[in-house]
Amino acid sequence: MLPERNATYEVARWAPEWVLVGDDSGGTGLFMRRHGPDRTSVHLLGLGAVEPDVAAAGERVTGDLGAWLAAGAPR
């Protein structure tokens, strides 16, 4: 499912350093970095506005994916 969503939104083309890991069912995607020390943070960004610098354009949701999920993924 995730590879299909990443292909649909052309994430590799528009934001090659990022991967789409989910969405809010309202047009906003949840993105994580593909590589590097900041791979546990999650950022929200509109799926119609995907760009290379997701961190600057989007909203940081958490810096710790595991803890965020354990807490029920609050926003």
PDB file of N, CA and C in Angstrom:
ATOM      1  N   MET A   1       0.818  -1.193   0.000  1.00  0.00           N
ATOM      2  CA  MET A   1       0.000   0.000   0.000  1.00  0.00           C
ATOM      3  C   MET A   1       0.865   1.262   0.000  1.00  0.00           C
ATOM      4  N   LEU A   2       1.903   1.333   0.836  1.00  0.00           N
ATOM      5  CA  LEU A   2       2.738   2.527   0.874  1.00  0.00           C
ATOM      6  C   LEU A   2       3.472   2.778  -0.441  1.00  0.00           C
ATOM      7  N   PRO A   3       4.044   1.756  -1.072  1.00  0.00           N
ATOM      8  CA  PRO A   3       4.686   2.025  -2.366  1.00  0.00           C
ATOM      9  C   PRO A   3       3.706   2.600  -3.388  1.00  0.00           C
ATOM     10  N   GLU A   4       2.479   2.112  -3.379  1.00  0.00           N
ATOM     11  CA  GLU A   4       1.465   2.602  -4.308  1.00  0.00           C
ATOM     12  C   GLU A   4       1.134   4.070  -4.036  1.00  0.00           C
ATOM     13  N   ARG A   5       0.986   4.421  -2.772  1.00  0.00           N
ATOM     14  CA  ARG A   5       0.660   5.808  -2.414  1.00  0.00           C
ATOM     15  C   ARG A   5       1.816   6.748  -2.774  1.00  0.00           C
ATOM     16  N   ASN A   6       3.058   6.288  -2.530  1.00  0.00           N
ATOM     17  CA  ASN A   6       4.218   7.096  -2.878  1.00  0.00           C
ATOM     18  C   ASN A   6       4.294   7.290  -4.384  1.00  0.00           C
ATOM     19  N   ALA A   7       3.953   6.273  -5.145  1.00  0.00           N
ATOM     20  CA  ALA A   7       3.950   6.380  -6.608  1.00  0.00           C
ATOM     21  C   ALA A   7       2.834   7.310  -7.074  1.00  0.00           C
ATOM     22  N   THR A   8       1.655   7.180  -6.496  1.00  0.00           N
ATOM     23  CA  THR A   8       0.512   8.014  -6.881  1.00  0.00           C
ATOM     24  C   THR A   8       0.824   9.497  -6.712  1.00  0.00           C
ATOM     25  N   TYR A   9       1.451   9.855  -5.602  1.00  0.00           N
ATOM     26  CA  TYR A   9       1.759  11.258  -5.320  1.00  0.00           C
ATOM     27  C   TYR A   9       3.152  11.666  -5.793  1.00  0.00           C
ATOM     28  N   GLU A  10       3.827  10.773  -6.514  1.00  0.00           N
ATOM     29  CA  GLU A  10       5.141  11.044  -7.094  1.00  0.00           C
ATOM     30  C   GLU A  10       6.118  11.608  -6.066  1.00  0.00           C
ATOM     31  N   VAL A  11       6.124  11.006  -4.898  1.00  0.00           N
ATOM     32  CA  VAL A  11       6.984  11.482  -3.815  1.00  0.00           C
ATOM     33  C   VAL A  11       8.459  11.400  -4.203  1.00  0.00           C
ATOM     34  N   ALA A  12       8.870  10.334  -4.862  1.00  0.00           N
ATOM     35  CA  ALA A  12      10.280  10.196  -5.264  1.00  0.00           C
ATOM     36  C   ALA A  12      10.700  11.313  -6.221  1.00  0.00           C
ATOM     37  N   ARG A  13       9.771  11.805  -7.003  1.00  0.00           N
ATOM     38  CA  ARG A  13      10.077  12.895  -7.942  1.00  0.00           C
ATOM     39  C   ARG A  13      10.127  14.246  -7.241  1.00  0.00           C
ATOM     40  N   TRP A  14       9.114  14.541  -6.429  1.00  0.00           N
ATOM     41  CA  TRP A  14       8.976  15.863  -5.831  1.00  0.00           C
ATOM     42  C   TRP A  14       9.710  16.027  -4.505  1.00  0.00           C
ATOM     43  N   ALA A  15       9.857  14.943  -3.752  1.00  0.00           N
ATOM     44  CA  ALA A  15      10.519  15.005  -2.439  1.00  0.00           C
ATOM     45  C   ALA A  15      11.381  13.751  -2.263  1.00  0.00           C
ATOM     46  N   PRO A  16      12.453  13.639  -3.045  1.00  0.00           N
ATOM     47  CA  PRO A  16      13.233  12.393  -3.073  1.00  0.00           C
ATOM     48  C   PRO A  16      13.855  11.970  -1.747  1.00  0.00           C
ATOM     49  N   GLU A  17      14.024  12.878  -0.818  1.00  0.00           N
ATOM     50  CA  GLU A  17      14.605  12.533   0.480  1.00  0.00           C
ATOM     51  C   GLU A  17      13.553  12.079   1.492  1.00  0.00           C
ATOM     52  N   TRP A  18      12.300  12.018   1.069  1.00  0.00           N
ATOM     53  CA  TRP A  18      11.179  11.732   1.964  1.00  0.00           C
ATOM     54  C   TRP A  18      10.386  10.528   1.489  1.00  0.00           C
ATOM     55  N   VAL A  19       9.589   9.975   2.402  1.00  0.00           N
ATOM     56  CA  VAL A  19       8.686   8.879   2.080  1.00  0.00           C
ATOM     57  C   VAL A  19       7.340   9.160   2.749  1.00  0.00           C
ATOM     58  N   LEU A  20       6.279   8.927   2.020  1.00  0.00           N
ATOM     59  CA  LEU A  20       4.924   9.083   2.542  1.00  0.00           C
ATOM     60  C   LEU A  20       4.594   7.831   3.344  1.00  0.00           C
ATOM     61  N   VAL A  21       4.291   7.999   4.627  1.00  0.00           N
ATOM     62  CA  VAL A  21       4.031   6.841   5.491  1.00  0.00           C
ATOM     63  C   VAL A  21       2.572   6.726   5.906  1.00  0.00           C
ATOM     64  N   GLY A  22       1.755   7.685   5.495  1.00  0.00           N
ATOM     65  CA  GLY A  22       0.335   7.639   5.826  1.00  0.00           C
ATOM     66  C   GLY A  22      -0.324   8.952   5.444  1.00  0.00           C
ATOM     67  N   ASP A  23      -1.607   9.046   5.740  1.00  0.00           N
ATOM     68  CA  ASP A  23      -2.331  10.291   5.490  1.00  0.00           C
ATOM     69  C   ASP A  23      -3.476  10.413   6.477  1.00  0.00           C
ATOM     70  N   ASP A  24      -4.089  11.576   6.496  1.00  0.00           N
ATOM     71  CA  ASP A  24      -5.182  11.820   7.440  1.00  0.00           C
ATOM     72  C   ASP A  24      -6.557  11.664   6.804  1.00  0.00           C
ATOM     73  N   SER A  25      -6.617  11.090   5.619  1.00  0.00           N
ATOM     74  CA  SER A  25      -7.861  10.907   4.859  1.00  0.00           C
ATOM     75  C   SER A  25      -8.515  12.230   4.487  1.00  0.00           C
ATOM     76  N   GLY A  26      -7.773  13.315   4.604  1.00  0.00           N
ATOM     77  CA  GLY A  26      -8.313  14.619   4.263  1.00  0.00           C
ATOM     78  C   GLY A  26      -7.406  15.404   3.339  1.00  0.00           C
ATOM     79  N   GLY A  27      -6.474  14.731   2.678  1.00  0.00           N
ATOM     80  CA  GLY A  27      -5.599  15.401   1.732  1.00  0.00           C
ATOM     81  C   GLY A  27      -4.256  15.823   2.285  1.00  0.00           C
ATOM     82  N   THR A  28      -3.963  15.409   3.510  1.00  0.00           N
ATOM     83  CA  THR A  28      -2.683  15.738   4.126  1.00  0.00           C
ATOM     84  C   THR A  28      -1.896  14.465   4.352  1.00  0.00           C
ATOM     85  N   GLY A  29      -0.622  14.470   3.950  1.00  0.00           N
ATOM     86  CA  GLY A  29       0.216  13.297   4.088  1.00  0.00           C
ATOM     87  C   GLY A  29       1.119  13.365   5.306  1.00  0.00           C
ATOM     88  N   LEU A  30       1.502  12.205   5.788  1.00  0.00           N
ATOM     89  CA  LEU A  30       2.477  12.068   6.871  1.00  0.00           C
ATOM     90  C   LEU A  30       3.779  11.600   6.243  1.00  0.00           C
ATOM     91  N   PHE A  31       4.826  12.389   6.384  1.00  0.00           N
ATOM     92  CA  PHE A  31       6.100  12.122   5.733  1.00  0.00           C
ATOM     93  C   PHE A  31       7.211  11.902   6.747  1.00  0.00           C
ATOM     94  N   MET A  32       8.134  11.017   6.379  1.00  0.00           N
ATOM     95  CA  MET A  32       9.360  10.797   7.154  1.00  0.00           C
ATOM     96  C   MET A  32      10.536  10.845   6.189  1.00  0.00           C
ATOM     97  N   ARG A  33      11.697  11.199   6.703  1.00  0.00           N
ATOM     98  CA  ARG A  33      12.911  11.186   5.874  1.00  0.00           C
ATOM     99  C   ARG A  33      13.281   9.751   5.545  1.00  0.00           C
ATOM    100  N   ARG A  34      13.812   9.539   4.356  1.00  0.00           N
ATOM    101  CA  ARG A  34      14.255   8.202   3.937  1.00  0.00           C
ATOM    102  C   ARG A  34      15.508   7.765   4.685  1.00  0.00           C
ATOM    103  N   HIS A  35      16.449   8.693   4.895  1.00  0.00           N
ATOM    104  CA  HIS A  35      17.745   8.366   5.480  1.00  0.00           C
ATOM    105  C   HIS A  35      18.169   9.463   6.449  1.00  0.00           C
ATOM    106  N   GLY A  36      19.185   9.183   7.220  1.00  0.00           N
ATOM    107  CA  GLY A  36      19.775  10.198   8.081  1.00  0.00           C
ATOM    108  C   GLY A  36      19.320  10.100   9.519  1.00  0.00           C
ATOM    109  N   PRO A  37      19.869  10.963  10.357  1.00  0.00           N
ATOM    110  CA  PRO A  37      19.586  10.902  11.785  1.00  0.00           C
ATOM    111  C   PRO A  37      18.165  11.334  12.168  1.00  0.00           C
ATOM    112  N   ASP A  38      17.480  12.034  11.287  1.00  0.00           N
ATOM    113  CA  ASP A  38      16.130  12.536  11.597  1.00  0.00           C
ATOM    114  C   ASP A  38      15.040  11.635  11.011  1.00  0.00           C
ATOM    115  N   ARG A  39      15.281  10.339  10.979  1.00  0.00           N
ATOM    116  CA  ARG A  39      14.304   9.421  10.381  1.00  0.00           C
ATOM    117  C   ARG A  39      13.135   9.086  11.297  1.00  0.00           C
ATOM    118  N   THR A  40      13.118   9.557  12.523  1.00  0.00           N
ATOM    119  CA  THR A  40      12.004   9.238  13.413  1.00  0.00           C
ATOM    120  C   THR A  40      11.000  10.371  13.527  1.00  0.00           C
ATOM    121  N   SER A  41      11.283  11.512  12.907  1.00  0.00           N
ATOM    122  CA  SER A  41      10.319  12.607  12.962  1.00  0.00           C
ATOM    123  C   SER A  41       9.277  12.438  11.860  1.00  0.00           C
ATOM    124  N   VAL A  42       8.104  12.976  12.112  1.00  0.00           N
ATOM    125  CA  VAL A  42       6.978  12.897  11.177  1.00  0.00           C
ATOM    126  C   VAL A  42       6.495  14.317  10.912  1.00  0.00           C
ATOM    127  N   HIS A  43       6.247  14.606   9.643  1.00  0.00           N
ATOM    128  CA  HIS A  43       5.783  15.934   9.226  1.00  0.00           C
ATOM    129  C   HIS A  43       4.491  15.796   8.427  1.00  0.00           C
ATOM    130  N   LEU A  44       3.589  16.747   8.614  1.00  0.00           N
ATOM    131  CA  LEU A  44       2.351  16.830   7.843  1.00  0.00           C
ATOM    132  C   LEU A  44       2.544  17.810   6.696  1.00  0.00           C
ATOM    133  N   LEU A  45       2.056  17.427   5.516  1.00  0.00           N
ATOM    134  CA  LEU A  45       2.116  18.311   4.356  1.00  0.00           C
ATOM    135  C   LEU A  45       0.990  17.946   3.413  1.00  0.00           C
ATOM    136  N   GLY A  46       0.336  18.950   2.860  1.00  0.00           N
ATOM    137  CA  GLY A  46      -0.735  18.715   1.898  1.00  0.00           C
ATOM    138  C   GLY A  46      -0.232  17.903   0.713  1.00  0.00           C
ATOM    139  N   LEU A  47      -0.980  16.904   0.315  1.00  0.00           N
ATOM    140  CA  LEU A  47      -0.555  16.027  -0.771  1.00  0.00           C
ATOM    141  C   LEU A  47      -0.565  16.715  -2.129  1.00  0.00           C
ATOM    142  N   GLY A  48      -1.191  17.839  -2.229  1.00  0.00           N
ATOM    143  CA  GLY A  48      -1.153  18.611  -3.461  1.00  0.00           C
ATOM    144  C   GLY A  48       0.000  19.598  -3.488  1.00  0.00           C
ATOM    145  N   ALA A  49       0.792  19.633  -2.419  1.00  0.00           N
ATOM    146  CA  ALA A  49       1.889  20.599  -2.303  1.00  0.00           C
ATOM    147  C   ALA A  49       3.211  19.924  -1.960  1.00  0.00           C
ATOM    148  N   VAL A  50       3.401  18.693  -2.408  1.00  0.00           N
ATOM    149  CA  VAL A  50       4.634  17.970  -2.093  1.00  0.00           C
ATOM    150  C   VAL A  50       5.813  18.675  -2.752  1.00  0.00           C
ATOM    151  N   GLU A  51       6.838  18.934  -1.969  1.00  0.00           N
ATOM    152  CA  GLU A  51       8.026  19.617  -2.454  1.00  0.00           C
ATOM    153  C   GLU A  51       9.257  19.052  -1.760  1.00  0.00           C
ATOM    154  N   PRO A  52      10.454  19.359  -2.266  1.00  0.00           N
ATOM    155  CA  PRO A  52      11.673  18.762  -1.725  1.00  0.00           C
ATOM    156  C   PRO A  52      11.908  18.997  -0.231  1.00  0.00           C
ATOM    157  N   ASP A  53      11.577  20.184   0.279  1.00  0.00           N
ATOM    158  CA  ASP A  53      11.838  20.472   1.690  1.00  0.00           C
ATOM    159  C   ASP A  53      10.556  20.347   2.509  1.00  0.00           C
ATOM    160  N   VAL A  54      10.161  19.116   2.735  1.00  0.00           N
ATOM    161  CA  VAL A  54       8.933  18.839   3.491  1.00  0.00           C
ATOM    162  C   VAL A  54       9.016  19.447   4.882  1.00  0.00           C
ATOM    163  N   ALA A  55      10.197  19.403   5.505  1.00  0.00           N
ATOM    164  CA  ALA A  55      10.350  19.935   6.860  1.00  0.00           C
ATOM    165  C   ALA A  55      10.043  21.431   6.918  1.00  0.00           C
ATOM    166  N   ALA A  56      10.469  22.188   5.920  1.00  0.00           N
ATOM    167  CA  ALA A  56      10.225  23.636   5.909  1.00  0.00           C
ATOM    168  C   ALA A  56       8.792  23.966   5.507  1.00  0.00           C
ATOM    169  N   ALA A  57       8.243  23.206   4.581  1.00  0.00           N
ATOM    170  CA  ALA A  57       6.907  23.496   4.059  1.00  0.00           C
ATOM    171  C   ALA A  57       5.793  22.916   4.917  1.00  0.00           C
ATOM    172  N   GLY A  58       6.095  21.843   5.639  1.00  0.00           N
ATOM    173  CA  GLY A  58       5.070  21.159   6.407  1.00  0.00           C
ATOM    174  C   GLY A  58       5.103  21.498   7.883  1.00  0.00           C
ATOM    175  N   GLU A  59       4.351  20.744   8.622  1.00  0.00           N
ATOM    176  CA  GLU A  59       4.240  20.916  10.070  1.00  0.00           C
ATOM    177  C   GLU A  59       4.821  19.683  10.749  1.00  0.00           C
ATOM    178  N   ARG A  60       5.772  19.889  11.647  1.00  0.00           N
ATOM    179  CA  ARG A  60       6.355  18.768  12.386  1.00  0.00           C
ATOM    180  C   ARG A  60       5.338  18.273  13.407  1.00  0.00           C
ATOM    181  N   VAL A  61       5.051  16.981  13.349  1.00  0.00           N
ATOM    182  CA  VAL A  61       4.076  16.379  14.251  1.00  0.00           C
ATOM    183  C   VAL A  61       4.781  15.809  15.473  1.00  0.00           C
ATOM    184  N   THR A  62       5.915  15.155  15.250  1.00  0.00           N
ATOM    185  CA  THR A  62       6.659  14.541  16.345  1.00  0.00           C
ATOM    186  C   THR A  62       8.104  14.310  15.932  1.00  0.00           C
ATOM    187  N   GLY A  63       8.954  14.193  16.901  1.00  0.00           N
ATOM    188  CA  GLY A  63      10.347  13.840  16.678  1.00  0.00           C
ATOM    189  C   GLY A  63      10.625  12.398  17.043  1.00  0.00           C
ATOM    190  N   ASP A  64       9.601  11.707  17.527  1.00  0.00           N
ATOM    191  CA  ASP A  64       9.760  10.318  17.969  1.00  0.00           C
ATOM    192  C   ASP A  64       8.554   9.504  17.519  1.00  0.00           C
ATOM    193  N   LEU A  65       8.686   8.868  16.371  1.00  0.00           N
ATOM    194  CA  LEU A  65       7.576   8.113  15.789  1.00  0.00           C
ATOM    195  C   LEU A  65       7.038   7.059  16.732  1.00  0.00           C
ATOM    196  N   GLY A  66       7.909   6.300  17.369  1.00  0.00           N
ATOM    197  CA  GLY A  66       7.468   5.224  18.252  1.00  0.00           C
ATOM    198  C   GLY A  66       6.625   5.734  19.410  1.00  0.00           C
ATOM    199  N   ALA A  67       7.079   6.785  20.088  1.00  0.00           N
ATOM    200  CA  ALA A  67       6.339   7.343  21.208  1.00  0.00           C
ATOM    201  C   ALA A  67       5.014   7.941  20.737  1.00  0.00           C
ATOM    202  N   TRP A  68       5.024   8.582  19.568  1.00  0.00           N
ATOM    203  CA  TRP A  68       3.816   9.194  19.029  1.00  0.00           C
ATOM    204  C   TRP A  68       2.760   8.133  18.740  1.00  0.00           C
ATOM    205  N   LEU A  69       3.189   7.036  18.133  1.00  0.00           N
ATOM    206  CA  LEU A  69       2.260   5.936  17.856  1.00  0.00           C
ATOM    207  C   LEU A  69       1.753   5.300  19.152  1.00  0.00           C
ATOM    208  N   ALA A  70       2.646   5.127  20.107  1.00  0.00           N
ATOM    209  CA  ALA A  70       2.248   4.541  21.390  1.00  0.00           C
ATOM    210  C   ALA A  70       1.219   5.404  22.118  1.00  0.00           C
ATOM    211  N   ALA A  71       1.275   6.723  21.890  1.00  0.00           N
ATOM    212  CA  ALA A  71       0.326   7.649  22.505  1.00  0.00           C
ATOM    213  C   ALA A  71      -0.975   7.763  21.723  1.00  0.00           C
ATOM    214  N   GLY A  72      -1.107   6.996  20.648  1.00  0.00           N
ATOM    215  CA  GLY A  72      -2.329   7.024  19.842  1.00  0.00           C
ATOM    216  C   GLY A  72      -2.276   8.021  18.705  1.00  0.00           C
ATOM    217  N   ALA A  73      -1.102   8.491  18.345  1.00  0.00           N
ATOM    218  CA  ALA A  73      -0.891   9.420  17.226  1.00  0.00           C
ATOM    219  C   ALA A  73      -1.724  10.683  17.376  1.00  0.00           C
ATOM    220  N   PRO A  74      -1.594  11.387  18.519  1.00  0.00           N
ATOM    221  CA  PRO A  74      -2.384  12.620  18.706  1.00  0.00           C
ATOM    222  C   PRO A  74      -1.892  13.750  17.819  1.00  0.00           C
ATOM    223  N   ARG A  75      -2.797  14.674  17.504  1.00  0.00           N
ATOM    224  CA  ARG A  75      -2.422  15.867  16.714  1.00  0.00           C
ATOM    225  C   ARG A  75      -2.616  17.104  17.507  1.00  0.00           C
TER     226      ARG A  75
END
